[in-house]
Protein backbone atom coordinates (compact mmCIF):
# COMPACT_ATOMS: atom_id res chain seq x y z
CA MET A 1 -7.84 -23.77 84.01
CA ARG A 2 -7.71 -26.69 81.60
CA THR A 3 -7.12 -26.00 77.87
CA VAL A 4 -9.15 -28.16 75.47
CA ILE A 5 -7.38 -29.04 72.22
CA PRO A 6 -9.80 -30.02 69.43
CA ASP A 7 -9.34 -33.35 67.69
CA ILE A 8 -8.72 -32.28 64.10
CA ASN A 9 -8.69 -35.85 62.85
CA ARG A 10 -12.20 -36.35 64.19
CA SER A 11 -13.89 -33.05 63.42
CA GLY A 12 -12.33 -32.31 59.99
CA ILE A 13 -12.77 -28.57 60.59
CA TRP A 14 -9.11 -27.75 60.35
CA GLN A 15 -8.64 -29.90 57.24
CA ALA A 16 -11.31 -27.88 55.48
CA ARG A 17 -9.70 -24.61 56.52
CA LEU A 18 -6.19 -25.63 55.52
CA ALA A 19 -7.12 -27.33 52.21
CA PRO A 20 -6.90 -24.18 49.99
CA TYR A 21 -3.51 -23.27 51.43
CA LEU A 22 -2.15 -26.79 51.05
CA GLN A 23 -3.31 -26.83 47.42
CA ARG A 24 -1.56 -23.51 46.71
CA ALA A 25 1.60 -24.81 48.37
CA ASP A 26 1.68 -27.74 45.94
CA GLU A 27 1.41 -25.45 42.89
CA PRO A 28 4.63 -24.27 41.22
CA LEU A 29 5.53 -20.64 41.74
CA SER A 30 4.66 -18.44 38.73
CA LEU A 31 7.35 -15.82 38.57
CA VAL A 32 6.67 -12.71 36.53
CA VAL A 33 9.82 -11.58 34.76
CA GLU A 34 9.73 -7.86 34.18
CA GLY A 35 11.83 -5.84 31.78
CA LYS A 36 12.37 -2.16 31.26
CA LEU A 37 11.93 0.27 28.40
CA THR A 38 15.32 1.39 27.12
CA ARG A 39 14.66 3.18 23.85
CA MET A 40 11.89 4.77 21.83
CA VAL A 41 12.29 5.93 18.25
CA GLY A 42 9.15 7.06 16.47
CA LEU A 43 6.56 4.43 17.35
CA THR A 44 9.09 1.66 17.96
CA LEU A 45 9.83 0.69 21.56
CA GLU A 46 12.85 -1.33 22.72
CA ALA A 47 12.74 -3.36 25.92
CA VAL A 48 15.32 -5.55 27.67
CA GLY A 49 15.11 -7.99 30.56
CA CYS A 50 12.04 -9.95 29.49
CA GLN A 51 11.03 -12.47 26.86
CA ALA A 52 7.91 -12.73 24.69
CA ASN A 53 6.97 -14.35 21.40
CA ILE A 54 6.21 -12.57 18.13
CA GLY A 55 2.60 -11.41 18.24
CA GLY A 56 2.55 -11.54 22.04
CA ARG A 57 1.40 -8.66 24.19
CA CYS A 58 3.25 -6.65 26.85
CA LEU A 59 2.01 -4.09 29.36
CA ILE A 60 4.16 -0.97 29.84
CA SER A 61 3.71 1.18 32.94
CA SER A 62 2.72 4.76 32.28
CA THR A 63 2.58 7.89 34.41
CA ALA A 64 -0.67 8.82 32.65
CA GLY A 65 -2.64 6.07 34.41
CA ASP A 66 -3.43 2.65 32.96
CA PRO A 67 -0.56 0.62 31.47
CA ILE A 68 -0.06 0.85 27.73
CA GLU A 69 -0.48 -2.34 25.72
CA ALA A 70 2.08 -3.12 23.03
CA GLU A 71 2.69 -6.02 20.66
CA VAL A 72 5.97 -7.76 19.98
CA VAL A 73 6.91 -7.21 16.33
CA GLY A 74 10.57 -8.27 16.41
CA PHE A 75 13.63 -9.03 18.52
CA HIS A 76 17.40 -8.87 18.32
CA GLY A 77 19.62 -10.48 20.92
CA ASP A 78 18.17 -9.55 24.32
CA LYS A 79 16.09 -6.73 22.88
CA LEU A 80 12.38 -6.85 22.16
CA TYR A 81 10.87 -4.51 19.55
CA LEU A 82 7.36 -3.44 20.50
CA MET A 83 4.68 -1.48 18.68
CA PRO A 84 2.04 0.28 20.83
CA ILE A 85 -1.64 -0.49 20.47
CA GLY A 86 -2.83 2.93 21.57
CA ASP A 87 -1.58 6.32 22.75
CA LEU A 88 2.02 6.69 23.96
CA ARG A 89 1.51 9.59 26.36
CA GLY A 90 3.00 8.96 29.79
CA LEU A 91 5.84 6.66 28.76
CA GLY A 92 9.25 7.40 30.20
CA PRO A 93 12.75 5.90 30.39
CA ASP A 94 13.10 2.61 32.30
CA ALA A 95 9.33 2.07 32.38
CA ARG A 96 8.34 -1.42 33.56
CA VAL A 97 7.55 -3.91 30.77
CA VAL A 98 5.54 -6.97 31.81
CA PRO A 99 4.77 -9.77 29.29
CA ALA A 100 1.04 -10.50 29.30
CA HIS A 101 1.47 -14.07 27.94
CA LYS A 102 -1.50 -13.79 25.60
CA VAL A 103 -2.11 -13.43 21.89
CA CYS A 104 -4.57 -11.14 20.18
CA GLU A 105 -8.08 -12.55 19.95
CA VAL A 106 -11.06 -10.73 18.48
CA PRO A 107 -14.82 -10.94 19.14
CA VAL A 108 -17.09 -12.58 16.57
CA GLY A 109 -20.75 -13.51 16.47
CA GLU A 110 -24.24 -12.32 15.59
CA GLN A 111 -23.96 -9.56 18.18
CA LEU A 112 -21.59 -7.70 15.84
CA LEU A 113 -24.25 -7.08 13.19
CA GLY A 114 -25.12 -3.40 13.01
CA ARG A 115 -22.06 -2.35 15.02
CA VAL A 116 -19.02 -0.17 14.27
CA LEU A 117 -15.71 -1.36 15.77
CA ASP A 118 -12.13 -0.19 15.96
CA GLY A 119 -9.10 -2.32 15.12
CA ALA A 120 -9.04 -3.90 18.59
CA GLY A 121 -12.68 -4.96 18.38
CA HIS A 122 -13.95 -2.23 20.73
CA PRO A 123 -17.26 -0.53 19.79
CA LEU A 124 -17.13 3.00 18.38
CA ASP A 125 -20.87 3.57 18.08
CA GLY A 126 -21.60 4.22 21.76
CA ARG A 127 -24.17 1.42 21.94
CA GLY A 128 -22.64 -0.44 24.85
CA PRO A 129 -20.50 -3.58 25.05
CA LEU A 130 -20.59 -6.21 22.34
CA ASN A 131 -21.19 -9.32 24.48
CA ALA A 132 -19.82 -11.44 21.64
CA GLU A 133 -20.49 -15.16 21.81
CA ARG A 134 -16.89 -16.19 21.11
CA ARG A 135 -13.39 -14.94 20.35
CA VAL A 136 -11.03 -16.16 17.64
CA PRO A 137 -7.36 -15.50 16.80
CA LEU A 138 -6.70 -12.46 14.68
CA THR A 139 -4.63 -14.43 12.16
CA GLY A 140 -7.40 -16.86 11.16
CA ARG A 141 -6.84 -20.40 9.96
CA PRO A 142 -5.48 -21.58 6.59
CA ILE A 143 -7.77 -23.56 4.26
CA ASN A 144 -6.55 -26.46 2.20
CA PRO A 145 -6.76 -25.15 -1.39
CA LEU A 146 -8.05 -28.53 -2.56
CA ALA A 147 -10.90 -28.36 -0.04
CA ARG A 148 -12.25 -25.02 -1.30
CA ASP A 149 -15.44 -24.93 -3.33
CA PRO A 150 -14.76 -23.78 -6.92
CA ILE A 151 -16.27 -20.50 -8.11
CA ARG A 152 -19.26 -21.45 -10.25
CA GLU A 153 -22.10 -19.07 -9.33
CA PRO A 154 -22.31 -15.49 -10.67
CA LEU A 155 -22.92 -12.68 -8.19
CA ASP A 156 -25.14 -9.70 -8.98
CA VAL A 157 -23.33 -6.54 -7.79
CA GLY A 158 -25.92 -4.11 -9.14
CA VAL A 159 -23.50 -2.36 -11.54
CA GLY A 160 -24.37 -3.00 -15.18
CA ALA A 161 -20.86 -2.67 -16.64
CA ILE A 162 -19.42 -5.12 -14.08
CA ASN A 163 -22.29 -7.61 -14.33
CA ALA A 164 -22.15 -7.73 -18.13
CA LEU A 165 -18.47 -7.28 -18.98
CA LEU A 166 -16.52 -8.15 -15.79
CA SER A 167 -18.80 -10.74 -14.24
CA VAL A 168 -18.00 -11.52 -10.61
CA GLY A 169 -18.41 -14.99 -9.12
CA ARG A 170 -19.48 -15.73 -5.58
CA GLY A 171 -16.27 -16.24 -3.64
CA GLN A 172 -14.11 -14.20 -6.01
CA ARG A 173 -11.54 -11.63 -4.87
CA MET A 174 -11.50 -8.46 -6.96
CA GLY A 175 -9.45 -5.30 -6.81
CA LEU A 176 -10.60 -1.74 -7.53
CA PHE A 177 -7.53 0.07 -8.87
CA ALA A 178 -7.63 3.84 -9.01
CA GLY A 179 -5.83 7.02 -8.12
CA SER A 180 -7.23 9.47 -5.63
CA GLY A 181 -10.54 11.19 -6.43
CA VAL A 182 -11.80 9.10 -9.36
CA GLY A 183 -14.76 7.47 -7.64
CA LYS A 184 -13.57 4.18 -6.15
CA SER A 185 -15.29 4.81 -2.81
CA VAL A 186 -18.55 5.67 -4.61
CA LEU A 187 -18.35 2.50 -6.69
CA LEU A 188 -17.62 0.52 -3.54
CA GLY A 189 -20.68 2.06 -1.93
CA MET A 190 -22.86 1.13 -4.90
CA MET A 191 -21.81 -2.50 -4.65
CA THR A 192 -22.40 -2.38 -0.88
CA ARG A 193 -26.02 -1.36 -1.35
CA TYR A 194 -26.88 -3.48 -4.37
CA THR A 195 -25.03 -6.79 -3.89
CA ASN A 196 -27.06 -9.76 -2.71
CA ALA A 197 -25.27 -11.08 0.41
CA ASP A 198 -26.26 -12.44 3.83
CA VAL A 199 -23.66 -10.37 5.70
CA ILE A 200 -21.60 -7.34 4.68
CA VAL A 201 -18.27 -6.67 6.41
CA VAL A 202 -16.67 -3.30 5.67
CA GLY A 203 -13.07 -2.49 6.57
CA LEU A 204 -12.20 1.22 6.38
CA ILE A 205 -8.44 1.05 6.74
CA GLY A 206 -6.25 4.14 6.91
CA GLU A 207 -8.75 6.46 5.25
CA ARG A 208 -10.09 9.83 6.41
CA GLY A 209 -12.03 9.73 9.66
CA ARG A 210 -14.79 11.82 8.08
CA GLU A 211 -15.56 9.00 5.65
CA VAL A 212 -16.47 6.56 8.43
CA LYS A 213 -19.65 8.36 9.50
CA GLU A 214 -20.54 9.18 5.89
CA PHE A 215 -20.19 5.53 4.88
CA VAL A 216 -22.33 4.33 7.77
CA GLN A 217 -25.09 6.94 7.40
CA ASN A 218 -25.19 7.75 3.69
CA ILE A 219 -24.09 4.53 2.00
CA LEU A 220 -25.21 1.74 4.32
CA GLY A 221 -28.08 3.52 6.06
CA GLY A 222 -30.29 2.00 8.72
CA GLU A 223 -31.46 -0.90 6.57
CA GLY A 224 -28.00 -1.79 5.32
CA MET A 225 -26.45 -1.68 8.81
CA GLN A 226 -28.80 -4.41 10.01
CA ARG A 227 -26.75 -6.98 8.10
CA ALA A 228 -23.39 -5.20 8.20
CA VAL A 229 -20.33 -4.92 10.44
CA VAL A 230 -18.01 -1.93 10.01
CA VAL A 231 -14.39 -1.97 11.19
CA ALA A 232 -12.85 1.51 11.12
CA THR A 233 -9.19 2.34 11.72
CA PRO A 234 -8.66 5.85 10.28
CA ALA A 235 -5.34 7.30 9.21
CA ASP A 236 -4.57 8.75 12.64
CA ASN A 237 -4.44 5.26 14.20
CA SER A 238 -1.11 3.56 14.77
CA PRO A 239 0.19 1.36 11.93
CA LEU A 240 -0.35 -1.73 14.08
CA MET A 241 -4.01 -0.84 14.59
CA ARG A 242 -4.47 -0.25 10.87
CA MET A 243 -3.12 -3.72 10.16
CA HIS A 244 -5.29 -5.21 12.88
CA GLY A 245 -8.35 -3.49 11.42
CA ALA A 246 -7.89 -5.31 8.10
CA MET A 247 -7.24 -8.60 9.86
CA LEU A 248 -10.23 -8.13 12.18
CA ALA A 249 -12.59 -7.48 9.25
CA THR A 250 -11.31 -10.66 7.60
CA SER A 251 -11.71 -12.69 10.82
CA ILE A 252 -15.32 -11.54 11.19
CA ALA A 253 -16.03 -12.47 7.56
CA GLU A 254 -14.43 -15.89 8.12
CA HIS A 255 -16.69 -16.52 11.12
CA PHE A 256 -19.87 -15.90 9.15
CA ARG A 257 -18.54 -17.91 6.19
CA ASP A 258 -17.92 -20.87 8.48
CA GLN A 259 -21.59 -20.67 9.45
CA GLY A 260 -22.54 -21.25 5.81
CA LYS A 261 -23.41 -17.64 5.00
CA HIS A 262 -22.50 -15.67 1.88
CA VAL A 263 -20.39 -12.71 2.97
CA LEU A 264 -19.44 -9.57 1.05
CA LEU A 265 -16.10 -8.20 2.32
CA LEU A 266 -15.25 -4.64 1.27
CA MET A 267 -11.84 -3.25 2.23
CA ASP A 268 -10.80 0.33 1.59
CA SER A 269 -7.93 0.13 1.15
CA LEU A 270 -5.42 -2.67 0.66
CA THR A 271 -2.73 -0.07 -0.04
CA ARG A 272 -3.09 1.44 3.45
CA PHE A 273 -2.65 -2.03 4.93
CA ALA A 274 0.59 -2.45 2.98
CA GLN A 275 1.80 1.00 4.00
CA ALA A 276 1.15 0.20 7.67
CA GLN A 277 3.28 -2.94 7.39
CA ARG A 278 5.97 -0.87 5.65
CA GLU A 279 6.04 1.58 8.56
CA ILE A 280 6.44 -1.24 11.07
CA ALA A 281 9.09 -3.09 9.06
CA LEU A 282 11.21 -0.02 8.43
CA ALA A 283 10.94 1.03 12.07
CA ILE A 284 12.46 -2.24 13.31
CA GLY A 285 15.28 -2.10 10.78
CA GLU A 286 14.09 -4.20 7.82
CA PRO A 287 15.81 -2.94 4.66
CA PRO A 288 13.66 -1.52 1.82
CA ALA A 289 13.67 -3.63 -1.33
CA THR A 290 11.20 -2.38 -3.96
CA LYS A 291 10.64 1.39 -4.10
CA GLY A 292 10.83 1.68 -0.34
CA TYR A 293 8.74 -1.41 0.44
CA PRO A 294 10.46 -4.13 2.55
CA PRO A 295 10.02 -7.80 1.57
CA SER A 296 7.66 -8.49 4.48
CA VAL A 297 5.01 -6.28 2.84
CA PHE A 298 4.77 -8.61 -0.14
CA ALA A 299 4.54 -11.58 2.22
CA LYS A 300 1.71 -10.05 4.26
CA LEU A 301 -0.51 -9.20 1.27
CA PRO A 302 -1.22 -12.80 0.15
CA GLN A 303 -1.60 -13.89 3.78
CA LEU A 304 -4.49 -11.45 4.11
CA VAL A 305 -6.09 -11.92 0.69
CA GLU A 306 -5.95 -15.72 0.69
CA ARG A 307 -8.18 -15.82 3.76
CA ALA A 308 -11.11 -14.64 1.60
CA GLY A 309 -12.86 -16.78 -1.01
CA ASN A 310 -15.02 -19.88 -0.80
CA GLY A 311 -14.82 -22.12 2.24
CA ASP A 312 -14.93 -25.87 2.51
CA ARG A 313 -17.21 -27.73 0.14
CA GLY A 314 -20.84 -27.04 0.89
CA GLY A 315 -20.01 -24.09 3.15
CA GLY A 316 -20.30 -20.35 2.81
CA SER A 317 -18.28 -17.85 0.84
CA ILE A 318 -16.45 -14.53 1.11
CA THR A 319 -16.64 -12.37 -1.99
CA ALA A 320 -14.04 -9.65 -1.45
CA PHE A 321 -13.45 -6.27 -3.06
CA TYR A 322 -10.19 -4.53 -2.19
CA THR A 323 -9.49 -0.97 -3.26
CA VAL A 324 -5.90 -0.36 -4.37
CA LEU A 325 -4.64 3.21 -4.50
CA THR A 326 -2.33 3.65 -7.49
CA GLU A 327 -0.05 6.54 -6.57
CA GLY A 328 0.22 9.01 -9.42
CA ASP A 329 -2.15 6.79 -11.50
CA ASP A 330 0.79 4.41 -11.96
CA GLN A 331 -0.62 0.96 -12.61
CA ASN A 332 2.89 -0.49 -12.14
CA ASP A 333 3.13 0.74 -8.56
CA PRO A 334 4.67 -2.10 -6.45
CA ILE A 335 1.52 -2.66 -4.38
CA ALA A 336 -0.76 -2.50 -7.42
CA ASP A 337 1.46 -4.93 -9.29
CA ALA A 338 1.59 -7.35 -6.34
CA ALA A 339 -2.18 -7.12 -5.79
CA ARG A 340 -2.92 -7.85 -9.45
CA ALA A 341 -0.91 -11.07 -9.17
CA ILE A 342 -2.80 -12.44 -6.16
CA LEU A 343 -6.36 -11.29 -6.91
CA ASP A 344 -8.91 -13.00 -9.18
CA GLY A 345 -9.42 -9.92 -11.31
CA HIS A 346 -9.27 -6.14 -11.23
CA VAL A 347 -11.45 -3.18 -12.13
CA VAL A 348 -9.37 -0.17 -13.20
CA LEU A 349 -10.86 3.30 -12.84
CA SER A 350 -9.65 5.94 -15.29
CA ARG A 351 -9.01 9.55 -14.32
CA GLU A 352 -9.55 10.58 -17.94
CA LEU A 353 -13.06 9.13 -17.93
CA ALA A 354 -13.83 10.64 -14.52
CA GLU A 355 -12.75 14.09 -15.69
CA ALA A 356 -15.05 13.70 -18.69
CA GLY A 357 -18.02 13.01 -16.41
CA HIS A 358 -18.17 9.30 -17.29
CA TYR A 359 -19.25 7.42 -14.14
CA PRO A 360 -18.48 4.83 -13.01
CA ALA A 361 -15.12 5.58 -14.65
CA ILE A 362 -14.34 1.93 -15.45
CA ASP A 363 -11.58 1.39 -17.99
CA ILE A 364 -12.97 -1.68 -19.73
CA GLU A 365 -9.80 -2.26 -21.74
CA ALA A 366 -7.56 -2.46 -18.65
CA SER A 367 -10.01 -4.43 -16.47
CA ILE A 368 -10.55 -8.18 -16.33
CA SER A 369 -12.39 -10.87 -14.38
CA ARG A 370 -10.38 -14.09 -14.37
CA VAL A 371 -13.34 -16.34 -13.54
CA MET A 372 -15.89 -14.85 -15.96
CA VAL A 373 -15.49 -17.67 -18.48
CA GLU A 374 -16.28 -20.22 -15.75
CA ILE A 375 -19.52 -18.63 -14.52
CA VAL A 376 -21.38 -17.19 -17.53
CA ALA A 377 -23.09 -18.73 -20.54
CA PRO A 378 -21.09 -18.93 -23.82
CA GLU A 379 -23.34 -16.41 -25.58
CA HIS A 380 -22.84 -13.95 -22.73
CA GLU A 381 -19.06 -14.34 -22.93
CA GLN A 382 -19.13 -13.86 -26.71
CA ALA A 383 -21.26 -10.70 -26.43
CA ALA A 384 -18.88 -9.24 -23.81
CA ARG A 385 -15.87 -10.04 -26.00
CA ARG A 386 -17.48 -8.37 -29.02
CA PHE A 387 -18.33 -5.30 -26.94
CA LYS A 388 -14.70 -4.97 -25.80
CA GLN A 389 -13.33 -5.44 -29.32
CA ILE A 390 -15.52 -2.70 -30.77
CA TYR A 391 -14.93 -0.35 -27.85
CA SER A 392 -11.16 -0.90 -27.99
CA THR A 393 -11.09 -0.30 -31.76
CA TYR A 394 -12.62 3.13 -31.32
CA ARG A 395 -10.36 4.06 -28.40
CA GLN A 396 -7.23 3.05 -30.31
CA ASN A 397 -8.17 5.24 -33.28
CA ARG A 398 -9.80 8.05 -31.35
CA ASP A 399 -7.12 10.63 -32.12
CA LEU A 400 -7.40 10.05 -35.88
CA ILE A 401 -11.17 10.24 -35.69
CA SER A 402 -11.16 13.39 -33.55
CA VAL A 403 -8.93 15.42 -35.89
CA GLY A 404 -10.75 14.20 -39.01
CA ALA A 405 -7.75 12.31 -40.35
CA TYR A 406 -9.71 9.09 -40.78
CA GLN A 407 -11.48 8.62 -44.13
CA ALA A 408 -14.83 6.83 -43.84
CA GLY A 409 -14.76 3.47 -45.62
CA SER A 410 -11.02 2.90 -45.15
CA ASP A 411 -11.52 0.21 -42.50
CA PRO A 412 -14.86 -1.55 -41.89
CA ARG A 413 -13.94 -2.24 -38.27
CA ILE A 414 -13.36 1.44 -37.53
CA ASP A 415 -16.55 2.40 -39.37
CA GLU A 416 -18.47 -0.06 -37.20
CA ALA A 417 -16.82 1.28 -34.03
CA ILE A 418 -17.69 4.88 -34.91
CA ALA A 419 -21.35 3.93 -35.46
CA MET A 420 -21.64 1.88 -32.25
CA TYR A 421 -19.55 3.98 -29.84
CA PRO A 422 -22.37 6.27 -28.53
CA GLN A 423 -24.52 3.27 -27.55
CA LEU A 424 -21.56 1.52 -25.92
CA THR A 425 -20.59 4.49 -23.77
CA GLU A 426 -24.21 5.02 -22.76
CA PHE A 427 -24.40 1.42 -21.56
CA LEU A 428 -21.23 1.82 -19.47
CA GLN A 429 -22.56 4.80 -17.51
CA GLN A 430 -24.78 4.48 -14.46
CA HIS A 431 -25.93 6.89 -11.77
CA MET A 432 -24.86 6.09 -8.22
CA SER A 433 -28.49 5.88 -7.02
CA GLU A 434 -29.50 3.49 -9.83
CA ARG A 435 -29.38 -0.28 -9.48
CA VAL A 436 -28.97 -2.45 -12.59
CA ALA A 437 -29.77 -6.07 -11.79
CA TRP A 438 -28.14 -9.05 -13.49
CA PRO A 439 -30.97 -9.72 -16.04
CA ASP A 440 -31.17 -6.01 -16.87
CA SER A 441 -27.40 -5.90 -17.38
CA LEU A 442 -27.51 -8.71 -19.94
CA ALA A 443 -30.52 -7.17 -21.65
CA GLY A 444 -28.74 -3.80 -21.79
CA LEU A 445 -25.63 -5.42 -23.29
CA ALA A 446 -27.68 -7.14 -25.99
CA ALA A 447 -29.61 -3.93 -26.68
CA ALA A 448 -26.44 -1.84 -26.97
CA LEU A 449 -24.93 -4.25 -29.51
CA GLY A 450 -28.19 -4.86 -31.38
CA ALA A 451 -29.31 -1.24 -31.63
CA ALA A 452 -25.95 -0.14 -32.97
CA GLU A 453 -25.76 -2.98 -35.48
CA GLN A 454 -29.13 -1.93 -36.92
CA GLN A 455 -27.81 1.52 -37.80
């Protein structure tokens, strides 16, 4: 029987079949270098036998099922220091460590509006996948400071004391400084509801998990969530996820700003972000420098805060409010002191005022807006200065007045402060369900000064 051999040069059938294999043969071999897990102390993992860059991701085999993802946070010699993204259950000695050769990217886009995310950009609200239109690096991009639009337009935050006496400009970065339990979250919620912005991005970083649902349902509500994105990384998350939550909220705000929109970024709290970086830095052996805080903490704070603000000329803006927890009501706490230096102003909440039922408990004497002079009319600035002078005069002499040691007529300034103080304190107070618009704030300031002067 005769065997027929096909003519492959004529038919081309075999060339078509062999083409994929010939193409693969020409490609260089991609070898995957694996390492192994050698040590685990706390949340810090040590691996040897593989290489990866800072910020890169590695996959660690686990007996619990899917591999655990970790990020490279440091190295020493042939050792890599990793910090896990999620749960550590199932890890064991000599577990396989495989570099993923990718950096962290986060979803952004209109599809995020109305959603609640975790620090990795995964939805927490049970409403299905995000289907985001694009992904961007978690670290953002630096803006040339000379290309930024200056702050020239006032922003109505709906709080009379802030509008009139601590005026906020669109694109400004403000801090809310307070100890625990004096109303900073309530004040933040008031500004969330009442501020005029195209998009609201809320970062709940390292706070109680109970507050996440309360903030979404009670403060934002259904109407507010339509233009809001919430990023929640509660206190039980790993320090790396808490840091990523703050950076993710900022990346989302940057995306909408680059589209020309005016964004309100609310972060509660900046202190928890700093504490998460402290945990990571101490775990990999960085020495503490200032009251237990390593130097890298004070380098990370401005890197995060400087991403907010106005964009390129003619673009959008990010007006940011960061809460700063002052431990023990110490305004010279290292994080509070560092935050004051890099922010465009600060609102200090007083425990003494809160305990007296004075809400919002804003300490006007200790608070300041560094751009107020640039954005308000001269007569407004003069009225605010006069208000502060009179209010401060009374507060400085309050003890003498309270015990009856002050003789009426001894000092005209003190006499004036005593007469005007009730109207001034009434102006500073506002119920959490009440909105005081910008024109009403200025009218209330003029009325408080004018009514008292007529007495």
